C-alpha atoms as a PDB file:
ATOM      1  CA  MET A   1     -95.985  64.462  41.339  1.00  0.00           C
ATOM      2  CA  LYS A   2     -98.349  65.399  44.160  1.00  0.00           C
ATOM      3  CA  MET A   3     -97.235  67.796  46.888  1.00  0.00           C
ATOM      4  CA  THR A   4     -96.800  66.221  50.329  1.00  0.00           C
ATOM      5  CA  PHE A   5     -97.083  68.055  53.638  1.00  0.00           C
ATOM      6  CA  ASP A   6     -95.383  67.559  57.002  1.00  0.00           C
ATOM      7  CA  GLU A   7     -95.458  69.504  60.252  1.00  0.00           C
ATOM      8  CA  LEU A   8     -92.747  70.005  62.828  1.00  0.00           C
ATOM      9  CA  PRO A   9     -93.892  69.010  66.343  1.00  0.00           C
ATOM     10  CA  GLU A  10     -93.677  72.687  67.416  1.00  0.00           C
ATOM     11  CA  PHE A  11     -95.945  73.682  64.538  1.00  0.00           C
ATOM     12  CA  GLU A  12     -98.451  70.986  65.442  1.00  0.00           C
ATOM     13  CA  LYS A  13     -98.569  72.226  69.038  1.00  0.00           C
ATOM     14  CA  GLU A  14     -99.062  75.852  67.922  1.00  0.00           C
ATOM     15  CA  ARG A  15    -101.722  74.819  65.404  1.00  0.00           C
ATOM     16  CA  LYS A  16    -103.717  72.903  68.017  1.00  0.00           C
ATOM     17  CA  ARG A  17    -103.499  75.793  70.477  1.00  0.00           C
ATOM     18  CA  LEU A  18    -104.612  78.333  67.864  1.00  0.00           C
ATOM     19  CA  ALA A  19    -107.395  76.037  66.572  1.00  0.00           C
ATOM     20  CA  ARG A  20    -109.055  76.157  69.975  1.00  0.00           C
ATOM     21  CA  LYS A  21    -109.131  79.942  69.714  1.00  0.00           C
ATOM     22  CA  TYR A  22    -109.900  80.292  65.991  1.00  0.00           C
ATOM     23  CA  ARG A  23    -112.511  77.717  65.006  1.00  0.00           C
ATOM     24  CA  SER A  24    -112.056  78.047  61.238  1.00  0.00           C
ATOM     25  CA  LEU A  25    -108.313  77.304  61.349  1.00  0.00           C
ATOM     26  CA  SER A  26    -108.545  73.682  60.143  1.00  0.00           C
ATOM     27  CA  GLN A  27    -110.464  74.660  57.012  1.00  0.00           C
ATOM     28  CA  ASP A  28    -108.306  77.759  56.502  1.00  0.00           C
ATOM     29  CA  LEU A  29    -105.150  75.645  56.668  1.00  0.00           C
ATOM     30  CA  GLU A  30    -106.655  73.113  54.248  1.00  0.00           C
ATOM     31  CA  GLU A  31    -107.378  75.936  51.800  1.00  0.00           C
ATOM     32  CA  PHE A  32    -103.825  77.223  52.288  1.00  0.00           C
ATOM     33  CA  ARG A  33    -102.453  73.748  51.464  1.00  0.00           C
ATOM     34  CA  ASN A  34    -104.479  73.731  48.232  1.00  0.00           C
ATOM     35  CA  ILE A  35    -103.000  77.096  47.237  1.00  0.00           C
ATOM     36  CA  VAL A  36     -99.359  76.231  47.984  1.00  0.00           C
ATOM     37  CA  SER A  37     -99.751  72.874  46.203  1.00  0.00           C
ATOM     38  CA  VAL A  38    -100.251  74.884  43.030  1.00  0.00           C
ATOM     39  CA  VAL A  39     -98.040  77.901  43.784  1.00  0.00           C
ATOM     40  CA  PRO A  40     -95.471  76.705  46.375  1.00  0.00           C
ATOM     41  CA  LEU A  41     -93.714  80.068  46.592  1.00  0.00           C
ATOM     42  CA  GLY A  42     -97.006  81.942  46.539  1.00  0.00           C
ATOM     43  CA  ASN A  43     -97.867  85.257  44.987  1.00  0.00           C
ATOM     44  CA  GLN A  44     -95.741  88.287  45.700  1.00  0.00           C
ATOM     45  CA  LYS A  45     -98.241  90.083  47.898  1.00  0.00           C
ATOM     46  CA  HIS A  46     -98.719  87.673  50.808  1.00  0.00           C
ATOM     47  CA  PHE A  47     -95.634  85.471  50.543  1.00  0.00           C
ATOM     48  CA  ALA A  48     -91.950  86.204  51.101  1.00  0.00           C
ATOM     49  CA  VAL A  49     -88.992  83.856  50.729  1.00  0.00           C
ATOM     50  CA  ILE A  50     -86.997  84.578  53.895  1.00  0.00           C
ATOM     51  CA  ALA A  51     -84.196  82.050  53.322  1.00  0.00           C
ATOM     52  CA  GLN A  52     -83.105  79.570  50.697  1.00  0.00           C
ATOM     53  CA  ASP A  53     -80.344  77.271  49.629  1.00  0.00           C
ATOM     54  CA  GLU A  54     -79.937  74.788  46.784  1.00  0.00           C
ATOM     55  CA  LYS A  55     -82.322  72.306  48.438  1.00  0.00           C
ATOM     56  CA  LEU A  56     -85.115  74.374  49.945  1.00  0.00           C
ATOM     57  CA  HIS A  57     -86.908  77.704  50.220  1.00  0.00           C
ATOM     58  CA  ILE A  58     -88.212  78.972  53.557  1.00  0.00           C
ATOM     59  CA  VAL A  59     -91.323  81.016  53.034  1.00  0.00           C
ATOM     60  CA  LYS A  60     -93.258  83.322  55.338  1.00  0.00           C
ATOM     61  CA  ALA A  61     -96.882  83.602  54.272  1.00  0.00           C
ATOM     62  CA  ARG A  62    -100.064  85.247  55.404  1.00  0.00           C
ATOM     63  CA  LEU A  63    -102.777  82.751  56.280  1.00  0.00           C
ATOM     64  CA  PHE A  64    -106.232  84.273  56.159  1.00  0.00           C
ATOM     65  CA  CYS A  65    -108.382  83.026  58.986  1.00  0.00           C
ATOM     66  CA  ARG A  66    -112.121  83.516  58.477  1.00  0.00           C
ATOM     67  CA  TYR A  67    -112.616  83.553  62.230  1.00  0.00           C
ATOM     68  CA  LEU A  68    -110.326  86.574  62.576  1.00  0.00           C
ATOM     69  CA  LYS A  69    -112.236  88.701  60.027  1.00  0.00           C
ATOM     70  CA  GLY A  70    -109.459  90.712  58.445  1.00  0.00           C
ATOM     71  CA  SER A  71    -106.551  89.913  60.735  1.00  0.00           C
ATOM     72  CA  SER A  72    -104.335  87.079  59.752  1.00  0.00           C
ATOM     73  CA  LEU A  73    -101.981  84.422  60.954  1.00  0.00           C
ATOM     74  CA  ARG A  74     -98.463  83.870  59.691  1.00  0.00           C
ATOM     75  CA  VAL A  75     -97.159  80.525  58.531  1.00  0.00           C
ATOM     76  CA  ILE A  76     -93.496  79.723  58.068  1.00  0.00           C
ATOM     77  CA  TYR A  77     -92.817  76.693  55.889  1.00  0.00           C
ATOM     78  CA  SER A  78     -90.086  75.123  53.841  1.00  0.00           C
ATOM     79  CA  TYR A  79     -90.553  74.035  50.267  1.00  0.00           C
ATOM     80  CA  PHE A  80     -88.373  71.235  48.906  1.00  0.00           C
ATOM     81  CA  GLU A  81     -88.656  71.635  45.145  1.00  0.00           C
ATOM     82  CA  GLN A  82     -87.037  68.312  44.170  1.00  0.00           C
ATOM     83  CA  GLU A  83     -89.226  66.293  46.520  1.00  0.00           C
ATOM     84  CA  GLN A  84     -92.384  68.372  45.983  1.00  0.00           C
ATOM     85  CA  ARG A  85     -92.714  68.553  49.744  1.00  0.00           C
ATOM     86  CA  ILE A  86     -93.744  71.297  52.137  1.00  0.00           C
ATOM     87  CA  GLU A  87     -92.906  71.200  55.820  1.00  0.00           C
ATOM     88  CA  PHE A  88     -94.665  73.590  58.168  1.00  0.00           C
ATOM     89  CA  ILE A  89     -92.259  75.162  60.673  1.00  0.00           C
ATOM     90  CA  GLU A  90     -94.237  77.776  62.604  1.00  0.00           C
ATOM     91  CA  ILE A  91     -97.693  79.346  62.829  1.00  0.00           C
ATOM     92  CA  TYR A  92     -98.556  82.412  64.891  1.00  0.00           C
ATOM     93  CA  PHE A  93    -101.043  85.233  65.230  1.00  0.00           C
ATOM     94  CA  LYS A  94     -99.584  88.542  64.091  1.00  0.00           C
ATOM     95  CA  GLY A  95    -101.187  90.269  67.082  1.00  0.00           C
ATOM     96  CA  ASP A  96     -99.300  88.036  69.535  1.00  0.00           C
ATOM     97  CA  LYS A  97     -95.821  88.445  68.123  1.00  0.00           C
ATOM     98  CA  GLU A  98     -94.236  90.630  65.499  1.00  0.00           C
ATOM     99  CA  ASN A  99     -91.953  88.161  63.722  1.00  0.00           C
ATOM    100  CA  GLU A 100     -91.180  84.516  63.186  1.00  0.00           C
ATOM    101  CA  ASP A 101     -88.955  82.597  65.562  1.00  0.00           C
ATOM    102  CA  ARG A 102     -85.691  83.279  63.745  1.00  0.00           C
ATOM    103  CA  HIS A 103     -83.812  80.921  66.038  1.00  0.00           C
ATOM    104  CA  ARG A 104     -86.132  78.053  65.022  1.00  0.00           C
ATOM    105  CA  VAL A 105     -85.689  78.936  61.332  1.00  0.00           C
ATOM    106  CA  ARG A 106     -81.874  79.017  61.695  1.00  0.00           C
ATOM    107  CA  GLU A 107     -81.859  75.674  63.510  1.00  0.00           C
ATOM    108  CA  TYR A 108     -84.093  74.208  60.833  1.00  0.00           C
ATOM    109  CA  LEU A 109     -81.762  75.415  58.070  1.00  0.00           C
ATOM    110  CA  THR A 110     -78.712  74.070  59.877  1.00  0.00           C
ATOM    111  CA  LYS A 111     -80.358  70.668  60.273  1.00  0.00           C
ATOM    112  CA  HIS A 112     -81.259  70.481  56.567  1.00  0.00           C
ATOM    113  CA  GLN A 113     -77.965  71.632  55.077  1.00  0.00           C
ATOM    114  CA  ASN A 114     -76.393  68.183  55.042  1.00  0.00           C
END
């Protein structure tokens, strides 16, 4: 079964805003998709499961951006193992904010617990 990808509207907005600033973001995100298609929960070093239940894992990952040369972006996504689906929740530059939007993650979890 092939992995499918979705984006929350908030993620899409953040991605478009960041893509204007960091020109390589589209290709970097494409590469990231290829990696998480194979290893959805990532490797230990740059991925951390920040929440999970019986249906999904919410993962915080480092997204290397060639344009940033060494700095990186963070991507928060959910992985639905049964459906082989990944939904992108948030993307941000580590220099702009320290942590993910925990409120958004909590709301997301609440919405998907039914």
